[in-house]
Amino acid sequence: MTYIFSDPIKLIVGNDLKVTHDFLTKAHRGSVLGYKQRLPLISITVNPFYPRYRYESDNYETAYIDKGQLLQEVTSLANVPVFDIVNDSCTNLAEIIFDTGIQ
């Protein structure tokens, strides 16, 4: 079976995460996934938050890595704008998205 989507975003955006997961799991077994239109990488978002596992309590706690260092290192490797999704205003990110004219 071959599934052709209009663009790659349609592979990951769905109304129900379980339905999407089940579809991708089934499609992975012998099916081909494709798309008609490539989407350019126009920006990258980073998030300094991560769930830290605590062995002694067998659960997770909120943790953060150095947000300045994360942003600096990713920016130095990227050739597109990089935004800290937690601390930056989404205004500049929204402008970049709208300026591309991608629908």
PDB file of N, CA and C in Angstrom:
ATOM      1  N   MET A   1       0.845  -1.165   0.000  1.00  0.00           N
ATOM      2  CA  MET A   1       0.000   0.000   0.000  1.00  0.00           C
ATOM      3  C   MET A   1       0.895   1.234   0.000  1.00  0.00           C
ATOM      4  N   THR A   2       0.543   2.222  -0.782  1.00  0.00           N
ATOM      5  CA  THR A   2       1.262   3.487  -0.830  1.00  0.00           C
ATOM      6  C   THR A   2       0.330   4.605  -0.384  1.00  0.00           C
ATOM      7  N   TYR A   3       0.801   5.435   0.533  1.00  0.00           N
ATOM      8  CA  TYR A   3       0.050   6.590   1.012  1.00  0.00           C
ATOM      9  C   TYR A   3       0.790   7.846   0.590  1.00  0.00           C
ATOM     10  N   ILE A   4       0.120   8.736  -0.125  1.00  0.00           N
ATOM     11  CA  ILE A   4       0.715   9.992  -0.570  1.00  0.00           C
ATOM     12  C   ILE A   4      -0.017  11.139   0.126  1.00  0.00           C
ATOM     13  N   PHE A   5       0.738  11.960   0.839  1.00  0.00           N
ATOM     14  CA  PHE A   5       0.188  13.122   1.531  1.00  0.00           C
ATOM     15  C   PHE A   5       0.594  14.378   0.780  1.00  0.00           C
ATOM     16  N   SER A   6      -0.143  15.464   0.984  1.00  0.00           N
ATOM     17  CA  SER A   6       0.188  16.701   0.276  1.00  0.00           C
ATOM     18  C   SER A   6       1.523  17.272   0.750  1.00  0.00           C
ATOM     19  N   ASP A   7       1.863  17.102   2.026  1.00  0.00           N
ATOM     20  CA  ASP A   7       3.155  17.545   2.544  1.00  0.00           C
ATOM     21  C   ASP A   7       3.480  16.746   3.808  1.00  0.00           C
ATOM     22  N   PRO A   8       4.729  16.798   4.286  1.00  0.00           N
ATOM     23  CA  PRO A   8       5.136  15.980   5.433  1.00  0.00           C
ATOM     24  C   PRO A   8       4.382  16.285   6.728  1.00  0.00           C
ATOM     25  N   ILE A   9       3.893  17.494   6.886  1.00  0.00           N
ATOM     26  CA  ILE A   9       3.170  17.851   8.109  1.00  0.00           C
ATOM     27  C   ILE A   9       1.937  16.974   8.282  1.00  0.00           C
ATOM     28  N   LYS A  10       1.325  16.588   7.196  1.00  0.00           N
ATOM     29  CA  LYS A  10       0.122  15.753   7.278  1.00  0.00           C
ATOM     30  C   LYS A  10       0.426  14.388   7.897  1.00  0.00           C
ATOM     31  N   LEU A  11       1.686  13.999   7.909  1.00  0.00           N
ATOM     32  CA  LEU A  11       2.068  12.737   8.539  1.00  0.00           C
ATOM     33  C   LEU A  11       2.037  12.816  10.063  1.00  0.00           C
ATOM     34  N   ILE A  12       2.228  14.012  10.610  1.00  0.00           N
ATOM     35  CA  ILE A  12       2.352  14.124  12.065  1.00  0.00           C
ATOM     36  C   ILE A  12       1.216  14.906  12.720  1.00  0.00           C
ATOM     37  N   VAL A  13       0.422  15.613  11.942  1.00  0.00           N
ATOM     38  CA  VAL A  13      -0.665  16.391  12.516  1.00  0.00           C
ATOM     39  C   VAL A  13      -1.966  15.634  12.326  1.00  0.00           C
ATOM     40  N   GLY A  14      -2.594  15.347  13.418  1.00  0.00           N
ATOM     41  CA  GLY A  14      -3.861  14.625  13.343  1.00  0.00           C
ATOM     42  C   GLY A  14      -4.773  15.039  14.465  1.00  0.00           C
ATOM     43  N   ASN A  15      -5.970  14.598  14.383  1.00  0.00           N
ATOM     44  CA  ASN A  15      -6.958  14.932  15.387  1.00  0.00           C
ATOM     45  C   ASN A  15      -6.793  14.067  16.633  1.00  0.00           C
ATOM     46  N   ASP A  16      -6.288  12.858  16.453  1.00  0.00           N
ATOM     47  CA  ASP A  16      -6.186  11.912  17.558  1.00  0.00           C
ATOM     48  C   ASP A  16      -4.807  11.266  17.513  1.00  0.00           C
ATOM     49  N   LEU A  17      -4.006  11.506  18.527  1.00  0.00           N
ATOM     50  CA  LEU A  17      -2.630  11.015  18.552  1.00  0.00           C
ATOM     51  C   LEU A  17      -2.561   9.492  18.467  1.00  0.00           C
ATOM     52  N   LYS A  18      -3.473   8.798  19.116  1.00  0.00           N
ATOM     53  CA  LYS A  18      -3.480   7.335  19.065  1.00  0.00           C
ATOM     54  C   LYS A  18      -3.770   6.846  17.644  1.00  0.00           C
ATOM     55  N   VAL A  19      -4.709   7.475  16.963  1.00  0.00           N
ATOM     56  CA  VAL A  19      -5.024   7.090  15.583  1.00  0.00           C
ATOM     57  C   VAL A  19      -3.801   7.306  14.695  1.00  0.00           C
ATOM     58  N   THR A  20      -3.124   8.448  14.863  1.00  0.00           N
ATOM     59  CA  THR A  20      -1.917   8.732  14.084  1.00  0.00           C
ATOM     60  C   THR A  20      -0.837   7.687  14.376  1.00  0.00           C
ATOM     61  N   HIS A  21      -0.617   7.390  15.645  1.00  0.00           N
ATOM     62  CA  HIS A  21       0.384   6.392  16.033  1.00  0.00           C
ATOM     63  C   HIS A  21       0.064   5.032  15.416  1.00  0.00           C
ATOM     64  N   ASP A  22      -1.188   4.618  15.532  1.00  0.00           N
ATOM     65  CA  ASP A  22      -1.589   3.317  14.984  1.00  0.00           C
ATOM     66  C   ASP A  22      -1.390   3.272  13.471  1.00  0.00           C
ATOM     67  N   PHE A  23      -1.749   4.357  12.783  1.00  0.00           N
ATOM     68  CA  PHE A  23      -1.574   4.412  11.335  1.00  0.00           C
ATOM     69  C   PHE A  23      -0.097   4.303  10.953  1.00  0.00           C
ATOM     70  N   LEU A  24       0.751   5.085  11.621  1.00  0.00           N
ATOM     71  CA  LEU A  24       2.182   5.061  11.295  1.00  0.00           C
ATOM     72  C   LEU A  24       2.794   3.708  11.620  1.00  0.00           C
ATOM     73  N   THR A  25       2.346   3.077  12.687  1.00  0.00           N
ATOM     74  CA  THR A  25       2.841   1.750  13.035  1.00  0.00           C
ATOM     75  C   THR A  25       2.467   0.744  11.954  1.00  0.00           C
ATOM     76  N   LYS A  26       1.233   0.774  11.500  1.00  0.00           N
ATOM     77  CA  LYS A  26       0.788  -0.132  10.438  1.00  0.00           C
ATOM     78  C   LYS A  26       1.485   0.193   9.119  1.00  0.00           C
ATOM     79  N   ALA A  27       1.597   1.470   8.806  1.00  0.00           N
ATOM     80  CA  ALA A  27       2.208   1.888   7.546  1.00  0.00           C
ATOM     81  C   ALA A  27       3.683   1.499   7.500  1.00  0.00           C
ATOM     82  N   HIS A  28       4.322   1.476   8.659  1.00  0.00           N
ATOM     83  CA  HIS A  28       5.745   1.123   8.727  1.00  0.00           C
ATOM     84  C   HIS A  28       5.984  -0.322   8.282  1.00  0.00           C
ATOM     85  N   ARG A  29       4.988  -1.159   8.435  1.00  0.00           N
ATOM     86  CA  ARG A  29       5.109  -2.572   8.086  1.00  0.00           C
ATOM     87  C   ARG A  29       4.728  -2.805   6.635  1.00  0.00           C
ATOM     88  N   GLY A  30       5.622  -2.523   5.713  1.00  0.00           N
ATOM     89  CA  GLY A  30       5.402  -2.875   4.323  1.00  0.00           C
ATOM     90  C   GLY A  30       4.768  -1.821   3.448  1.00  0.00           C
ATOM     91  N   SER A  31       4.301  -0.718   4.023  1.00  0.00           N
ATOM     92  CA  SER A  31       3.705   0.340   3.216  1.00  0.00           C
ATOM     93  C   SER A  31       4.735   1.421   2.926  1.00  0.00           C
ATOM     94  N   VAL A  32       4.413   2.247   1.948  1.00  0.00           N
ATOM     95  CA  VAL A  32       5.273   3.361   1.583  1.00  0.00           C
ATOM     96  C   VAL A  32       4.534   4.654   1.878  1.00  0.00           C
ATOM     97  N   LEU A  33       5.209   5.580   2.570  1.00  0.00           N
ATOM     98  CA  LEU A  33       4.652   6.898   2.835  1.00  0.00           C
ATOM     99  C   LEU A  33       5.388   7.907   1.970  1.00  0.00           C
ATOM    100  N   GLY A  34       4.651   8.800   1.333  1.00  0.00           N
ATOM    101  CA  GLY A  34       5.265   9.828   0.506  1.00  0.00           C
ATOM    102  C   GLY A  34       4.484  11.118   0.596  1.00  0.00           C
ATOM    103  N   TYR A  35       4.998  12.158  -0.032  1.00  0.00           N
ATOM    104  CA  TYR A  35       4.333  13.455  -0.054  1.00  0.00           C
ATOM    105  C   TYR A  35       4.634  14.152  -1.369  1.00  0.00           C
ATOM    106  N   LYS A  36       3.731  15.060  -1.738  1.00  0.00           N
ATOM    107  CA  LYS A  36       3.837  15.770  -3.011  1.00  0.00           C
ATOM    108  C   LYS A  36       4.733  17.002  -2.929  1.00  0.00           C
ATOM    109  N   GLN A  37       4.692  17.704  -1.816  1.00  0.00           N
ATOM    110  CA  GLN A  37       5.391  18.981  -1.700  1.00  0.00           C
ATOM    111  C   GLN A  37       6.381  18.940  -0.545  1.00  0.00           C
ATOM    112  N   ARG A  38       7.620  19.317  -0.814  1.00  0.00           N
ATOM    113  CA  ARG A  38       8.615  19.443   0.250  1.00  0.00           C
ATOM    114  C   ARG A  38       8.380  20.746   0.991  1.00  0.00           C
ATOM    115  N   LEU A  39       8.647  20.739   2.273  1.00  0.00           N
ATOM    116  CA  LEU A  39       8.539  21.963   3.066  1.00  0.00           C
ATOM    117  C   LEU A  39       9.940  22.390   3.496  1.00  0.00           C
ATOM    118  N   PRO A  40      10.251  23.663   3.300  1.00  0.00           N
ATOM    119  CA  PRO A  40      11.579  24.136   3.699  1.00  0.00           C
ATOM    120  C   PRO A  40      11.686  24.276   5.217  1.00  0.00           C
ATOM    121  N   LEU A  41      12.883  24.097   5.736  1.00  0.00           N
ATOM    122  CA  LEU A  41      13.133  24.355   7.149  1.00  0.00           C
ATOM    123  C   LEU A  41      13.288  25.861   7.286  1.00  0.00           C
ATOM    124  N   ILE A  42      12.363  26.513   7.993  1.00  0.00           N
ATOM    125  CA  ILE A  42      12.388  27.971   8.090  1.00  0.00           C
ATOM    126  C   ILE A  42      12.819  28.469   9.469  1.00  0.00           C
ATOM    127  N   SER A  43      12.778  27.605  10.475  1.00  0.00           N
ATOM    128  CA  SER A  43      13.257  27.966  11.803  1.00  0.00           C
ATOM    129  C   SER A  43      13.345  26.705  12.661  1.00  0.00           C
ATOM    130  N   ILE A  44      13.981  26.859  13.811  1.00  0.00           N
ATOM    131  CA  ILE A  44      14.112  25.767  14.773  1.00  0.00           C
ATOM    132  C   ILE A  44      13.694  26.311  16.124  1.00  0.00           C
ATOM    133  N   THR A  45      12.942  25.511  16.875  1.00  0.00           N
ATOM    134  CA  THR A  45      12.613  25.889  18.242  1.00  0.00           C
ATOM    135  C   THR A  45      13.324  24.933  19.194  1.00  0.00           C
ATOM    136  N   VAL A  46      13.804  25.488  20.293  1.00  0.00           N
ATOM    137  CA  VAL A  46      14.440  24.683  21.335  1.00  0.00           C
ATOM    138  C   VAL A  46      13.695  24.912  22.636  1.00  0.00           C
ATOM    139  N   ASN A  47      13.799  23.959  23.535  1.00  0.00           N
ATOM    140  CA  ASN A  47      13.123  24.034  24.810  1.00  0.00           C
ATOM    141  C   ASN A  47      14.107  23.579  25.881  1.00  0.00           C
ATOM    142  N   PRO A  48      14.467  24.450  26.813  1.00  0.00           N
ATOM    143  CA  PRO A  48      15.446  24.072  27.835  1.00  0.00           C
ATOM    144  C   PRO A  48      14.909  23.090  28.873  1.00  0.00           C
ATOM    145  N   PHE A  49      13.612  22.813  28.868  1.00  0.00           N
ATOM    146  CA  PHE A  49      13.002  21.888  29.819  1.00  0.00           C
ATOM    147  C   PHE A  49      13.258  20.443  29.412  1.00  0.00           C
ATOM    148  N   TYR A  50      13.436  19.591  30.408  1.00  0.00           N
ATOM    149  CA  TYR A  50      13.426  18.143  30.171  1.00  0.00           C
ATOM    150  C   TYR A  50      12.978  17.448  31.454  1.00  0.00           C
ATOM    151  N   PRO A  51      12.373  16.274  31.334  1.00  0.00           N
ATOM    152  CA  PRO A  51      11.973  15.534  32.530  1.00  0.00           C
ATOM    153  C   PRO A  51      13.163  14.719  33.054  1.00  0.00           C
ATOM    154  N   ARG A  52      13.628  15.033  34.244  1.00  0.00           N
ATOM    155  CA  ARG A  52      14.770  14.327  34.850  1.00  0.00           C
ATOM    156  C   ARG A  52      14.248  13.137  35.657  1.00  0.00           C
ATOM    157  N   TYR A  53      14.757  11.977  35.341  1.00  0.00           N
ATOM    158  CA  TYR A  53      14.339  10.772  36.056  1.00  0.00           C
ATOM    159  C   TYR A  53      15.081  10.678  37.385  1.00  0.00           C
ATOM    160  N   ARG A  54      14.332  10.420  38.446  1.00  0.00           N
ATOM    161  CA  ARG A  54      14.890  10.260  39.777  1.00  0.00           C
ATOM    162  C   ARG A  54      14.806   8.797  40.170  1.00  0.00           C
ATOM    163  N   TYR A  55      15.961   8.118  40.171  1.00  0.00           N
ATOM    164  CA  TYR A  55      16.006   6.689  40.478  1.00  0.00           C
ATOM    165  C   TYR A  55      15.533   6.390  41.896  1.00  0.00           C
ATOM    166  N   GLU A  56      15.915   7.258  42.827  1.00  0.00           N
ATOM    167  CA  GLU A  56      15.571   6.988  44.221  1.00  0.00           C
ATOM    168  C   GLU A  56      14.056   7.048  44.485  1.00  0.00           C
ATOM    169  N   SER A  57      13.329   7.832  43.700  1.00  0.00           N
ATOM    170  CA  SER A  57      11.873   7.918  43.898  1.00  0.00           C
ATOM    171  C   SER A  57      11.091   7.287  42.749  1.00  0.00           C
ATOM    172  N   ASP A  58      11.795   6.808  41.728  1.00  0.00           N
ATOM    173  CA  ASP A  58      11.184   6.153  40.579  1.00  0.00           C
ATOM    174  C   ASP A  58      10.133   7.034  39.898  1.00  0.00           C
ATOM    175  N   ASN A  59      10.467   8.324  39.746  1.00  0.00           N
ATOM    176  CA  ASN A  59       9.585   9.229  39.013  1.00  0.00           C
ATOM    177  C   ASN A  59      10.407  10.344  38.376  1.00  0.00           C
ATOM    178  N   TYR A  60       9.716  11.297  37.782  1.00  0.00           N
ATOM    179  CA  TYR A  60      10.382  12.381  37.075  1.00  0.00           C
ATOM    180  C   TYR A  60      10.156  13.706  37.789  1.00  0.00           C
ATOM    181  N   GLU A  61      11.104  14.616  37.574  1.00  0.00           N
ATOM    182  CA  GLU A  61      10.939  15.970  38.092  1.00  0.00           C
ATOM    183  C   GLU A  61      11.300  16.960  36.990  1.00  0.00           C
ATOM    184  N   THR A  62      10.797  18.153  37.111  1.00  0.00           N
ATOM    185  CA  THR A  62      11.089  19.205  36.147  1.00  0.00           C
ATOM    186  C   THR A  62      12.557  19.602  36.252  1.00  0.00           C
ATOM    187  N   ALA A  63      13.215  19.698  35.111  1.00  0.00           N
ATOM    188  CA  ALA A  63      14.614  20.124  35.083  1.00  0.00           C
ATOM    189  C   ALA A  63      14.848  20.986  33.841  1.00  0.00           C
ATOM    190  N   TYR A  64      15.904  21.782  33.897  1.00  0.00           N
ATOM    191  CA  TYR A  64      16.234  22.665  32.771  1.00  0.00           C
ATOM    192  C   TYR A  64      17.732  22.615  32.519  1.00  0.00           C
ATOM    193  N   ILE A  65      18.109  22.694  31.257  1.00  0.00           N
ATOM    194  CA  ILE A  65      19.514  22.886  30.928  1.00  0.00           C
ATOM    195  C   ILE A  65      19.730  24.378  30.736  1.00  0.00           C
ATOM    196  N   ASP A  66      20.962  24.810  30.671  1.00  0.00           N
ATOM    197  CA  ASP A  66      21.270  26.226  30.522  1.00  0.00           C
ATOM    198  C   ASP A  66      20.681  26.741  29.208  1.00  0.00           C
ATOM    199  N   LYS A  67      19.677  27.603  29.310  1.00  0.00           N
ATOM    200  CA  LYS A  67      18.961  28.055  28.114  1.00  0.00           C
ATOM    201  C   LYS A  67      19.841  28.886  27.188  1.00  0.00           C
ATOM    202  N   GLY A  68      20.737  29.684  27.760  1.00  0.00           N
ATOM    203  CA  GLY A  68      21.630  30.495  26.929  1.00  0.00           C
ATOM    204  C   GLY A  68      22.591  29.633  26.125  1.00  0.00           C
ATOM    205  N   GLN A  69      23.151  28.635  26.772  1.00  0.00           N
ATOM    206  CA  GLN A  69      24.084  27.735  26.094  1.00  0.00           C
ATOM    207  C   GLN A  69      23.376  26.916  25.022  1.00  0.00           C
ATOM    208  N   LEU A  70      22.177  26.408  25.339  1.00  0.00           N
ATOM    209  CA  LEU A  70      21.403  25.648  24.356  1.00  0.00           C
ATOM    210  C   LEU A  70      21.129  26.493  23.126  1.00  0.00           C
ATOM    211  N   LEU A  71      20.636  27.700  23.327  1.00  0.00           N
ATOM    212  CA  LEU A  71      20.312  28.581  22.209  1.00  0.00           C
ATOM    213  C   LEU A  71      21.565  28.923  21.406  1.00  0.00           C
ATOM    214  N   GLN A  72      22.651  29.208  22.084  1.00  0.00           N
ATOM    215  CA  GLN A  72      23.909  29.557  21.409  1.00  0.00           C
ATOM    216  C   GLN A  72      24.444  28.385  20.580  1.00  0.00           C
ATOM    217  N   GLU A  73      24.439  27.195  21.136  1.00  0.00           N
ATOM    218  CA  GLU A  73      24.988  26.041  20.420  1.00  0.00           C
ATOM    219  C   GLU A  73      24.138  25.656  19.209  1.00  0.00           C
ATOM    220  N   VAL A  74      22.823  25.654  19.371  1.00  0.00           N
ATOM    221  CA  VAL A  74      21.966  25.311  18.230  1.00  0.00           C
ATOM    222  C   VAL A  74      22.059  26.394  17.164  1.00  0.00           C
ATOM    223  N   THR A  75      22.079  27.659  17.575  1.00  0.00           N
ATOM    224  CA  THR A  75      22.195  28.766  16.624  1.00  0.00           C
ATOM    225  C   THR A  75      23.494  28.668  15.835  1.00  0.00           C
ATOM    226  N   SER A  76      24.576  28.264  16.481  1.00  0.00           N
ATOM    227  CA  SER A  76      25.865  28.169  15.788  1.00  0.00           C
ATOM    228  C   SER A  76      25.873  27.064  14.734  1.00  0.00           C
ATOM    229  N   LEU A  77      24.992  26.072  14.875  1.00  0.00           N
ATOM    230  CA  LEU A  77      24.932  24.955  13.928  1.00  0.00           C
ATOM    231  C   LEU A  77      23.871  25.138  12.849  1.00  0.00           C
ATOM    232  N   ALA A  78      22.929  26.030  13.091  1.00  0.00           N
ATOM    233  CA  ALA A  78      21.777  26.173  12.191  1.00  0.00           C
ATOM    234  C   ALA A  78      21.991  27.310  11.199  1.00  0.00           C
ATOM    235  N   ASN A  79      21.362  27.172  10.056  1.00  0.00           N
ATOM    236  CA  ASN A  79      21.402  28.254   9.069  1.00  0.00           C
ATOM    237  C   ASN A  79      20.026  28.911   8.934  1.00  0.00           C
ATOM    238  N   VAL A  80      19.199  28.731   9.973  1.00  0.00           N
ATOM    239  CA  VAL A  80      17.882  29.356  10.060  1.00  0.00           C
ATOM    240  C   VAL A  80      17.738  29.946  11.463  1.00  0.00           C
ATOM    241  N   PRO A  81      16.791  30.860  11.658  1.00  0.00           N
ATOM    242  CA  PRO A  81      16.590  31.429  13.005  1.00  0.00           C
ATOM    243  C   PRO A  81      16.225  30.351  14.025  1.00  0.00           C
ATOM    244  N   VAL A  82      16.718  30.527  15.272  1.00  0.00           N
ATOM    245  CA  VAL A  82      16.457  29.585  16.363  1.00  0.00           C
ATOM    246  C   VAL A  82      15.766  30.344  17.486  1.00  0.00           C
ATOM    247  N   PHE A  83      14.697  29.757  18.025  1.00  0.00           N
ATOM    248  CA  PHE A  83      13.925  30.393  19.083  1.00  0.00           C
ATOM    249  C   PHE A  83      13.828  29.478  20.296  1.00  0.00           C
ATOM    250  N   ASP A  84      13.959  30.089  21.475  1.00  0.00           N
ATOM    251  CA  ASP A  84      13.690  29.388  22.730  1.00  0.00           C
ATOM    252  C   ASP A  84      12.178  29.435  22.910  1.00  0.00           C
ATOM    253  N   ILE A  85      11.525  28.328  22.722  1.00  0.00           N
ATOM    254  CA  ILE A  85      10.066  28.275  22.695  1.00  0.00           C
ATOM    255  C   ILE A  85       9.450  28.647  24.045  1.00  0.00           C
ATOM    256  N   VAL A  86      10.204  28.521  25.133  1.00  0.00           N
ATOM    257  CA  VAL A  86       9.686  28.841  26.457  1.00  0.00           C
ATOM    258  C   VAL A  86       9.825  30.332  26.758  1.00  0.00           C
ATOM    259  N   ASN A  87      10.950  30.924  26.399  1.00  0.00           N
ATOM    260  CA  ASN A  87      11.255  32.290  26.830  1.00  0.00           C
ATOM    261  C   ASN A  87      11.128  33.362  25.760  1.00  0.00           C
ATOM    262  N   ASP A  88      11.153  32.996  24.488  1.00  0.00           N
ATOM    263  CA  ASP A  88      11.051  34.001  23.430  1.00  0.00           C
ATOM    264  C   ASP A  88       9.598  34.298  23.100  1.00  0.00           C
ATOM    265  N   SER A  89       9.376  35.496  22.648  1.00  0.00           N
ATOM    266  CA  SER A  89       8.043  35.835  22.144  1.00  0.00           C
ATOM    267  C   SER A  89       7.828  35.083  20.839  1.00  0.00           C
ATOM    268  N   CYS A  90       6.639  34.611  20.621  1.00  0.00           N
ATOM    269  CA  CYS A  90       6.331  33.881  19.385  1.00  0.00           C
ATOM    270  C   CYS A  90       6.072  34.822  18.222  1.00  0.00           C
ATOM    271  N   THR A  91       6.133  36.128  18.467  1.00  0.00           N
ATOM    272  CA  THR A  91       5.846  37.100  17.412  1.00  0.00           C
ATOM    273  C   THR A  91       6.802  36.947  16.242  1.00  0.00           C
ATOM    274  N   ASN A  92       8.099  36.882  16.513  1.00  0.00           N
ATOM    275  CA  ASN A  92       9.071  36.757  15.417  1.00  0.00           C
ATOM    276  C   ASN A  92       8.926  35.427  14.687  1.00  0.00           C
ATOM    277  N   LEU A  93       8.655  34.374  15.426  1.00  0.00           N
ATOM    278  CA  LEU A  93       8.449  33.072  14.808  1.00  0.00           C
ATOM    279  C   LEU A  93       7.213  33.107  13.913  1.00  0.00           C
ATOM    280  N   ALA A  94       6.147  33.691  14.403  1.00  0.00           N
ATOM    281  CA  ALA A  94       4.915  33.801  13.611  1.00  0.00           C
ATOM    282  C   ALA A  94       5.162  34.610  12.335  1.00  0.00           C
ATOM    283  N   GLU A  95       5.921  35.693  12.428  1.00  0.00           N
ATOM    284  CA  GLU A  95       6.223  36.508  11.244  1.00  0.00           C
ATOM    285  C   GLU A  95       6.978  35.694  10.202  1.00  0.00           C
ATOM    286  N   ILE A  96       7.948  34.896  10.643  1.00  0.00           N
ATOM    287  CA  ILE A  96       8.711  34.064   9.713  1.00  0.00           C
ATOM    288  C   ILE A  96       7.785  33.073   9.018  1.00  0.00           C
ATOM    289  N   ILE A  97       6.906  32.454   9.783  1.00  0.00           N
ATOM    290  CA  ILE A  97       5.988  31.467   9.198  1.00  0.00           C
ATOM    291  C   ILE A  97       5.065  32.137   8.187  1.00  0.00           C
ATOM    292  N   PHE A  98       4.486  33.276   8.555  1.00  0.00           N
ATOM    293  CA  PHE A  98       3.556  33.951   7.648  1.00  0.00           C
ATOM    294  C   PHE A  98       4.261  34.524   6.429  1.00  0.00           C
ATOM    295  N   ASP A  99       5.518  34.961   6.590  1.00  0.00           N
ATOM    296  CA  ASP A  99       6.267  35.515   5.461  1.00  0.00           C
ATOM    297  C   ASP A  99       6.616  34.491   4.402  1.00  0.00           C
ATOM    298  N   THR A 100       6.653  33.214   4.763  1.00  0.00           N
ATOM    299  CA  THR A 100       7.011  32.192   3.781  1.00  0.00           C
ATOM    300  C   THR A 100       5.917  31.968   2.767  1.00  0.00           C
ATOM    301  N   GLY A 101       4.671  32.251   3.158  1.00  0.00           N
ATOM    302  CA  GLY A 101       3.548  32.018   2.261  1.00  0.00           C
ATOM    303  C   GLY A 101       3.166  30.558   2.138  1.00  0.00           C
ATOM    304  N   ILE A 102       3.757  29.682   2.968  1.00  0.00           N
ATOM    305  CA  ILE A 102       3.426  28.258   2.930  1.00  0.00           C
ATOM    306  C   ILE A 102       2.029  28.078   3.511  1.00  0.00           C
ATOM    307  N   GLN A 103       1.234  27.282   2.840  1.00  0.00           N
ATOM    308  CA  GLN A 103      -0.133  27.008   3.326  1.00  0.00           C
ATOM    309  C   GLN A 103      -0.328  25.560   3.581  1.00  0.00           C
TER     310      GLN A 103
END
